[in-house]
Protein backbone atom coordinates (compact mmCIF):
# COMPACT_ATOMS: atom_id res chain seq x y z
CA MET A 1 -14.64 -5.60 -11.62
CA ASP A 2 -15.60 -5.00 -15.38
CA ASP A 3 -13.61 -1.80 -16.08
CA LYS A 4 -14.61 -0.74 -19.61
CA LYS A 5 -11.63 1.91 -19.72
CA ASN A 6 -12.26 4.68 -17.56
CA ASN A 7 -15.96 3.89 -17.77
CA ILE A 8 -16.01 2.91 -14.43
CA PHE A 9 -19.50 4.41 -13.58
CA GLU A 10 -22.42 2.72 -15.09
CA ILE A 11 -25.62 4.85 -15.02
CA HIS A 12 -28.67 3.68 -13.66
CA THR A 13 -31.60 3.92 -16.19
CA ASP A 14 -35.38 2.90 -16.20
CA GLU A 15 -34.61 -0.17 -18.31
CA THR A 16 -32.10 -1.41 -15.60
CA PRO A 17 -33.78 -1.21 -12.38
CA ASP A 18 -31.70 -3.13 -10.30
CA LEU A 19 -28.88 -1.58 -8.43
CA HIS A 20 -25.69 -3.48 -6.61
CA GLU A 21 -23.70 -2.00 -4.02
CA HIS A 22 -19.95 -1.91 -5.26
CA TYR A 23 -18.26 0.37 -2.71
CA ASN A 24 -19.00 1.30 0.65
CA LEU A 25 -16.71 4.13 2.03
CA ILE A 26 -16.31 5.46 5.63
CA VAL A 27 -14.94 8.88 5.61
CA ASP A 28 -11.77 9.08 7.86
CA LYS A 29 -12.08 11.03 11.24
CA GLY A 30 -9.40 13.46 10.02
CA GLN A 31 -10.85 14.21 6.68
CA SER A 32 -11.03 17.74 5.77
CA LEU A 33 -14.20 19.04 4.06
CA LEU A 34 -13.96 17.88 0.35
CA ARG A 35 -16.57 17.98 -2.66
CA ILE A 36 -17.67 14.25 -2.91
CA ASP A 37 -17.02 14.15 -6.58
CA LYS A 38 -13.37 14.47 -5.70
CA TYR A 39 -13.21 12.50 -2.83
CA VAL A 40 -14.56 9.43 -4.64
CA GLN A 41 -12.28 9.98 -7.63
CA MET A 42 -9.37 9.90 -5.08
CA LYS A 43 -10.95 6.62 -3.70
CA ILE A 44 -11.58 4.57 -6.97
CA GLU A 45 -8.73 4.10 -9.49
CA ASN A 46 -9.91 4.85 -13.39
CA ALA A 47 -12.91 6.76 -12.12
CA THR A 48 -13.66 10.01 -14.12
CA ARG A 49 -14.87 13.07 -12.57
CA SER A 50 -17.64 13.32 -15.22
CA LYS A 51 -18.81 9.77 -14.54
CA ILE A 52 -18.70 10.41 -11.04
CA GLN A 53 -21.09 13.46 -11.34
CA GLU A 54 -23.44 11.56 -13.68
CA SER A 55 -23.49 8.70 -11.29
CA ILE A 56 -24.60 11.12 -8.25
CA LYS A 57 -26.86 13.14 -10.64
CA VAL A 58 -28.94 10.07 -11.17
CA GLY A 59 -28.78 8.93 -7.31
CA ASN A 60 -26.07 5.93 -7.58
CA VAL A 61 -24.26 7.89 -4.85
CA LEU A 62 -25.56 8.08 -1.34
CA VAL A 63 -24.39 9.58 1.64
CA ASN A 64 -25.63 8.27 4.93
CA LYS A 65 -28.41 6.47 2.78
CA LYS A 66 -29.36 9.75 1.06
CA ALA A 67 -28.65 11.12 -2.27
CA VAL A 68 -26.58 14.14 -2.49
CA LYS A 69 -25.24 16.62 -5.11
CA SER A 70 -21.96 16.92 -6.28
CA ASN A 71 -21.06 19.80 -4.56
CA TYR A 72 -21.73 18.16 -1.34
CA LYS A 73 -18.84 18.22 1.02
CA VAL A 74 -17.97 14.98 2.90
CA LYS A 75 -17.57 15.17 6.62
CA PRO A 76 -15.73 12.88 9.04
CA MET A 77 -17.13 9.41 9.34
CA ASP A 78 -19.91 9.98 6.46
CA ASN A 79 -20.97 6.56 5.00
CA ILE A 80 -20.83 6.67 1.36
CA GLN A 81 -22.36 3.99 -0.85
CA ILE A 82 -21.96 3.62 -4.67
CA PHE A 83 -24.05 1.46 -7.08
CA PHE A 84 -23.65 0.00 -10.18
CA ASP A 85 -26.12 -1.83 -12.50
CA ASN A 86 -24.04 -4.93 -12.81
CA PRO A 87 -23.38 -7.37 -9.49
CA PRO A 88 -19.70 -6.91 -8.13
CA ARG A 89 -17.51 -9.59 -9.39
CA GLU A 90 -16.81 -12.08 -6.39
CA VAL A 91 -13.45 -12.89 -6.06
CA GLU A 92 -13.01 -16.80 -4.87
CA ILE A 93 -9.88 -17.59 -2.67
CA ILE A 94 -9.00 -20.64 -3.98
CA PRO A 95 -6.39 -22.56 -1.47
CA GLN A 96 -3.08 -23.09 -2.85
CA ASP A 97 0.01 -24.84 -1.62
CA LEU A 98 2.73 -22.13 -1.91
CA PRO A 99 5.65 -21.20 0.09
CA LEU A 100 5.19 -19.44 3.17
CA ASN A 101 7.53 -17.89 5.86
CA ILE A 102 5.41 -17.96 9.12
CA VAL A 103 7.32 -16.07 11.67
CA TYR A 104 4.39 -16.50 14.49
CA GLU A 105 0.97 -18.15 14.64
CA ASP A 106 -1.58 -18.83 17.35
CA ASP A 107 -5.44 -19.02 17.52
CA ASP A 108 -6.19 -15.48 16.72
CA ILE A 109 -2.98 -14.20 14.47
CA ILE A 110 -0.34 -15.16 11.99
CA VAL A 111 2.68 -12.82 11.27
CA VAL A 112 4.42 -13.61 8.14
CA ASN A 113 7.48 -12.42 6.35
CA LYS A 114 6.54 -11.83 2.86
CA ALA A 115 8.87 -12.48 0.07
CA ALA A 116 9.19 -9.51 -2.64
CA GLY A 117 7.26 -10.46 -5.77
CA MET A 118 4.16 -12.02 -4.14
CA VAL A 119 0.91 -10.33 -4.34
CA VAL A 120 -0.95 -10.01 -1.21
CA HIS A 121 -4.64 -10.09 -2.30
CA PRO A 122 -6.18 -11.45 -5.39
CA ALA A 123 -7.39 -8.50 -7.78
CA HIS A 124 -7.40 -7.84 -11.51
CA SER A 125 -4.62 -9.74 -13.42
CA ASN A 126 -3.58 -11.32 -10.03
CA TYR A 127 -6.45 -13.80 -9.19
CA ASP A 128 -4.23 -16.60 -7.79
CA GLY A 129 -0.66 -17.11 -6.47
CA THR A 130 -1.31 -14.62 -3.82
CA LEU A 131 -0.49 -14.53 -0.40
CA LEU A 132 -4.11 -14.68 0.65
CA ASN A 133 -4.41 -17.88 -1.39
CA ALA A 134 -1.44 -19.49 0.34
CA LEU A 135 -2.72 -18.53 3.58
CA THR A 136 -6.11 -20.19 2.89
CA TYR A 137 -4.48 -23.26 1.98
CA HIS A 138 -2.48 -23.39 5.36
CA LEU A 139 -5.56 -22.83 7.40
CA SER A 140 -7.66 -25.27 5.39
CA LYS A 141 -5.28 -27.98 4.72
CA ASP A 142 -7.40 -30.34 6.65
CA ASP A 143 -10.59 -29.63 5.07
CA LEU A 144 -9.93 -28.08 1.54
CA ASP A 145 -13.50 -28.62 0.57
CA ASN A 146 -14.48 -26.01 3.43
CA PRO A 147 -11.82 -23.51 3.06
CA THR A 148 -11.08 -21.09 5.91
CA THR A 149 -10.20 -17.74 4.52
CA PRO A 150 -7.79 -15.07 6.74
CA TYR A 151 -8.23 -11.61 7.36
CA LEU A 152 -5.98 -8.93 6.12
CA VAL A 153 -5.28 -6.37 8.53
CA HIS A 154 -2.99 -4.31 6.30
CA ARG A 155 -1.05 -4.71 3.18
CA ILE A 156 2.36 -4.19 1.55
CA ASP A 157 3.28 -3.86 -2.09
CA LYS A 158 3.96 -6.86 -4.39
CA ASN A 159 7.23 -5.95 -4.74
CA THR A 160 7.96 -5.16 -1.07
CA SER A 161 9.28 -7.57 1.33
CA GLY A 162 8.78 -8.04 5.15
CA ILE A 163 6.52 -8.37 8.27
CA LEU A 164 2.76 -8.72 7.53
CA LEU A 165 -0.02 -9.31 10.06
CA ILE A 166 -2.93 -11.20 9.50
CA ALA A 167 -6.07 -11.80 11.52
CA LYS A 168 -7.92 -15.54 11.82
CA THR A 169 -11.57 -14.29 12.39
CA ASP A 170 -13.51 -10.63 11.76
CA VAL A 171 -13.43 -10.08 15.44
CA MET A 172 -9.47 -10.26 15.80
CA LYS A 173 -9.20 -7.96 12.49
CA ALA A 174 -11.50 -5.32 13.88
CA ARG A 175 -9.60 -4.83 17.01
CA LEU A 176 -6.36 -4.97 15.10
CA ALA A 177 -7.55 -2.54 12.73
CA LYS A 178 -8.43 -0.15 15.37
CA GLN A 179 -4.70 -0.29 16.54
CA PHE A 180 -3.90 0.64 12.79
CA PHE A 181 -6.41 3.47 12.45
CA ASP A 182 -5.41 4.90 16.07
CA HIS A 183 -1.66 4.71 14.97
CA THR A 184 -1.02 3.08 17.79
CA THR A 185 1.16 0.18 16.00
CA GLU A 186 5.01 0.41 15.22
CA ARG A 187 6.11 -0.07 11.90
CA LYS A 188 9.79 0.35 10.67
CA TYR A 189 11.15 -0.15 7.17
CA ILE A 190 14.55 -0.36 5.79
CA ALA A 191 14.94 1.41 2.30
CA LEU A 192 17.86 2.25 -0.30
CA ALA A 193 17.44 5.75 -1.55
CA TRP A 194 19.06 8.02 -4.06
CA GLY A 195 21.39 10.78 -2.87
CA ASP A 196 23.11 11.44 0.31
CA PHE A 197 20.90 13.06 2.71
CA LYS A 198 21.81 16.29 4.19
CA GLU A 199 20.33 15.71 7.88
CA GLU A 200 20.82 12.38 9.85
CA GLU A 201 17.48 12.12 10.19
CA GLY A 202 13.94 14.06 9.26
CA THR A 203 10.30 14.15 9.12
CA ILE A 204 8.04 14.05 5.79
CA ARG A 205 4.50 15.55 6.08
CA GLY A 206 2.58 15.87 3.07
CA ASN A 207 -1.06 14.44 2.00
CA ILE A 208 -1.11 11.26 -0.23
CA GLY A 209 -3.57 10.72 -2.82
CA ARG A 210 -3.91 9.66 -6.37
CA CYS A 211 -1.88 11.53 -9.02
CA PRO A 212 -4.69 13.17 -11.23
CA LYS A 213 -2.81 12.42 -14.33
CA ASP A 214 -1.91 9.07 -13.56
CA ARG A 215 -4.25 7.09 -11.03
CA ARG A 216 -1.73 4.21 -10.44
CA VAL A 217 1.01 6.85 -8.94
CA MET A 218 0.53 8.33 -5.56
CA CYS A 219 1.20 12.09 -5.48
CA VAL A 220 2.23 14.20 -2.44
CA PHE A 221 0.13 17.56 -1.80
CA ASP A 222 -0.09 20.14 0.67
CA GLU A 223 -0.80 18.98 4.32
CA ASP A 224 -3.20 21.59 4.88
CA GLY A 225 -4.96 21.23 1.69
CA GLU A 226 -7.92 19.64 0.87
CA ILE A 227 -6.57 16.71 -1.49
CA GLY A 228 -5.29 13.42 0.01
CA LYS A 229 -4.88 11.72 3.40
CA THR A 230 -2.54 13.08 6.17
CA ALA A 231 0.82 11.18 5.59
CA ILE A 232 3.75 11.20 8.00
CA THR A 233 7.19 9.47 7.58
CA HIS A 234 9.84 9.66 10.00
CA TYR A 235 13.43 8.70 8.70
CA LYS A 236 16.96 8.18 9.70
CA VAL A 237 20.05 7.48 7.86
CA VAL A 238 21.50 4.31 8.74
CA GLU A 239 24.44 3.96 6.39
CA ARG A 240 25.96 6.58 3.61
CA PHE A 241 27.19 4.87 0.60
CA GLY A 242 27.81 7.92 -1.45
CA TYR A 243 25.36 8.18 -4.01
CA ILE A 244 22.58 5.99 -2.23
CA SER A 245 21.67 5.81 1.44
CA ALA A 246 20.40 3.07 3.54
CA ILE A 247 17.51 4.39 5.63
CA GLU A 248 15.21 3.41 8.28
CA CYS A 249 11.63 4.86 7.85
CA GLN A 250 8.81 4.81 10.97
CA LEU A 251 5.16 5.05 9.57
CA GLU A 252 2.88 7.53 11.76
CA THR A 253 0.31 6.98 9.21
CA GLY A 254 -0.16 4.04 6.67
CA ARG A 255 -0.92 5.49 3.33
CA THR A 256 -0.66 3.56 -0.07
CA HIS A 257 2.99 3.86 -1.40
CA GLN A 258 3.84 6.35 1.55
CA ILE A 259 7.42 5.84 1.72
CA ARG A 260 7.88 5.70 -1.88
CA ALA A 261 5.87 8.66 -2.69
CA HIS A 262 7.54 10.66 0.26
CA MET A 263 11.14 9.59 -0.68
CA LYS A 264 10.27 11.07 -4.35
CA HIS A 265 8.79 14.23 -3.05
CA ILE A 266 12.01 15.24 -1.01
CA GLY A 267 14.00 14.14 -4.04
CA HIS A 268 15.33 10.63 -2.97
CA PRO A 269 13.48 8.17 -4.81
CA LEU A 270 14.05 4.48 -3.73
CA PHE A 271 16.69 2.50 -5.75
CA ASN A 272 15.35 0.68 -8.66
CA ASP A 273 11.61 2.12 -8.05
CA SER A 274 10.29 1.94 -11.45
CA THR A 275 6.82 3.62 -10.45
CA TYR A 276 8.69 6.76 -8.82
CA GLY A 277 11.62 7.18 -11.05
CA GLY A 278 14.12 5.26 -9.07
CA ASP A 279 15.26 2.86 -11.87
CA SER A 280 17.53 5.67 -13.69
CA ILE A 281 21.02 6.68 -12.75
CA LEU A 282 19.97 9.76 -10.66
CA LYS A 283 23.31 10.78 -8.78
CA GLY A 284 27.02 9.83 -9.44
CA THR A 285 29.63 10.29 -12.12
CA THR A 286 29.42 10.01 -16.09
CA PHE A 287 31.82 7.24 -16.40
CA SER A 288 30.75 4.26 -18.44
CA LYS A 289 32.13 1.99 -15.56
CA TYR A 290 30.08 3.47 -13.21
CA ARG A 291 26.69 3.29 -15.36
CA GLN A 292 27.48 -0.51 -15.66
CA PHE A 293 28.23 -1.08 -11.90
CA VAL A 294 24.63 0.70 -11.18
CA ASN A 295 22.84 -1.33 -13.88
CA ASN A 296 24.59 -4.44 -12.32
CA CYS A 297 23.04 -3.30 -8.82
CA PHE A 298 19.57 -2.91 -10.51
CA LYS A 299 19.58 -6.40 -12.05
CA MET A 300 20.63 -7.79 -8.37
CA ILE A 301 17.39 -6.10 -6.93
CA PRO A 302 14.73 -6.00 -9.79
CA ARG A 303 12.11 -4.15 -7.62
CA GLN A 304 11.94 -1.21 -5.21
CA SER A 305 14.47 -1.38 -2.36
CA LEU A 306 12.10 -1.44 0.32
CA HIS A 307 11.78 -4.12 3.20
CA ALA A 308 9.07 -3.91 6.10
CA LYS A 309 11.45 -5.00 8.87
CA SER A 310 9.59 -4.68 12.03
CA LEU A 311 6.08 -4.48 13.72
CA GLY A 312 5.02 -3.98 17.10
CA PHE A 313 1.18 -4.15 18.27
CA VAL A 314 -1.01 -5.29 21.11
CA HIS A 315 -2.44 -8.67 20.70
CA PRO A 316 -6.10 -8.15 20.31
CA ARG A 317 -6.99 -11.03 22.83
CA THR A 318 -4.12 -11.06 25.47
CA ASN A 319 -3.46 -7.33 25.43
CA LYS A 320 0.30 -8.27 25.64
CA ASP A 321 2.82 -6.23 23.55
CA MET A 322 3.84 -8.04 20.66
CA PHE A 323 7.08 -7.11 18.45
CA PHE A 324 8.35 -9.07 15.21
CA GLU A 325 11.30 -8.38 13.33
CA SER A 326 13.07 -9.93 10.04
CA GLU A 327 16.44 -9.48 8.57
CA LEU A 328 16.82 -7.68 5.32
CA PRO A 329 16.23 -10.12 2.35
CA GLN A 330 19.54 -11.34 0.53
CA ASP A 331 19.07 -9.22 -2.66
CA MET A 332 18.77 -5.99 -0.55
CA GLN A 333 21.93 -7.43 1.58
CA ASP A 334 23.92 -8.05 -1.68
CA VAL A 335 23.37 -4.47 -3.06
CA MET A 336 24.41 -2.75 0.33
CA GLU A 337 27.56 -4.87 0.20
CA LYS A 338 28.35 -4.16 -3.50
CA TRP A 339 27.88 -0.52 -2.79
CA ARG A 340 30.22 -0.74 0.37
CA ALA A 341 32.82 -2.42 -1.68
CA TYR A 342 32.35 0.28 -4.33
CA GLY A 343 33.09 3.12 -1.60
CA GLU A 344 36.13 1.33 -0.15
CA ASN A 345 37.58 0.33 -3.43
CA GLY A 346 35.89 2.05 -6.21
CA ILE A 347 34.64 0.08 -9.20
């Protein structure tokens, strides 16, 4: 998408009569009533509210095939279409022979253990070298002239490692996507977070939506408010290291940056999470040796300390229960061992 600095919405004029659909949004079943200009701003990165309102005014935003006003309040299952003058950029998925850790594969699905640092889907500034490029090669290596593109069912962040589920057909994707939508999947993550948790376990409830001041970051809002989507994270402490803790998180919902935003919200940012403030020394002593110790740990795991440990779901064809689990990546194991040694022997 050609983004001209926040000027995301190009206004339709008589000189450019042809419009092209860029976004087609279905409002979640649980969405509370919210003005459409606010809703669209939450959904589209870099979209300013004034440009959204201008686009609505000239009829470039339709709800259920009809033009609406900016004060229209979206309702569950509304179909929102957003049109621009320019055609959407098509991202060609180029097959690339890249390392893949395939945990399971059959005629319908693939389960992979994604390495940290690998982008899942091509997008702005990352048009190749992604997991989807690698999977396309894997499925098409016998006929690269007619590549077969897999279907992503869900995603994890570039610098998050762990289990990811992919469908081989759109029918399988739809069946799996419904399980995620209905929250019937079981997803557990292991994370390292700053601080010593007061309780052994707990639940974080708070809507998640894009922060008004920085659209790249997700903020937590009142769970009874109109902003953001419902998000629920259950956590329990796995191991305590004094100034940081290893926790297991089970997602009841799957929002963008959910664990990272929720942990920041309760005062426990993930260790070395630069987006949410975890790349500074937030707990501990003022001794220079301790600062050096933490900085050495940061170097050992130059990313947020988060791993998608396991995933449970029902197979979309056989209806059998499936469960996949992966070991912690080496960088997280090494950092945890270093903190154990610190607790036992000091620096």
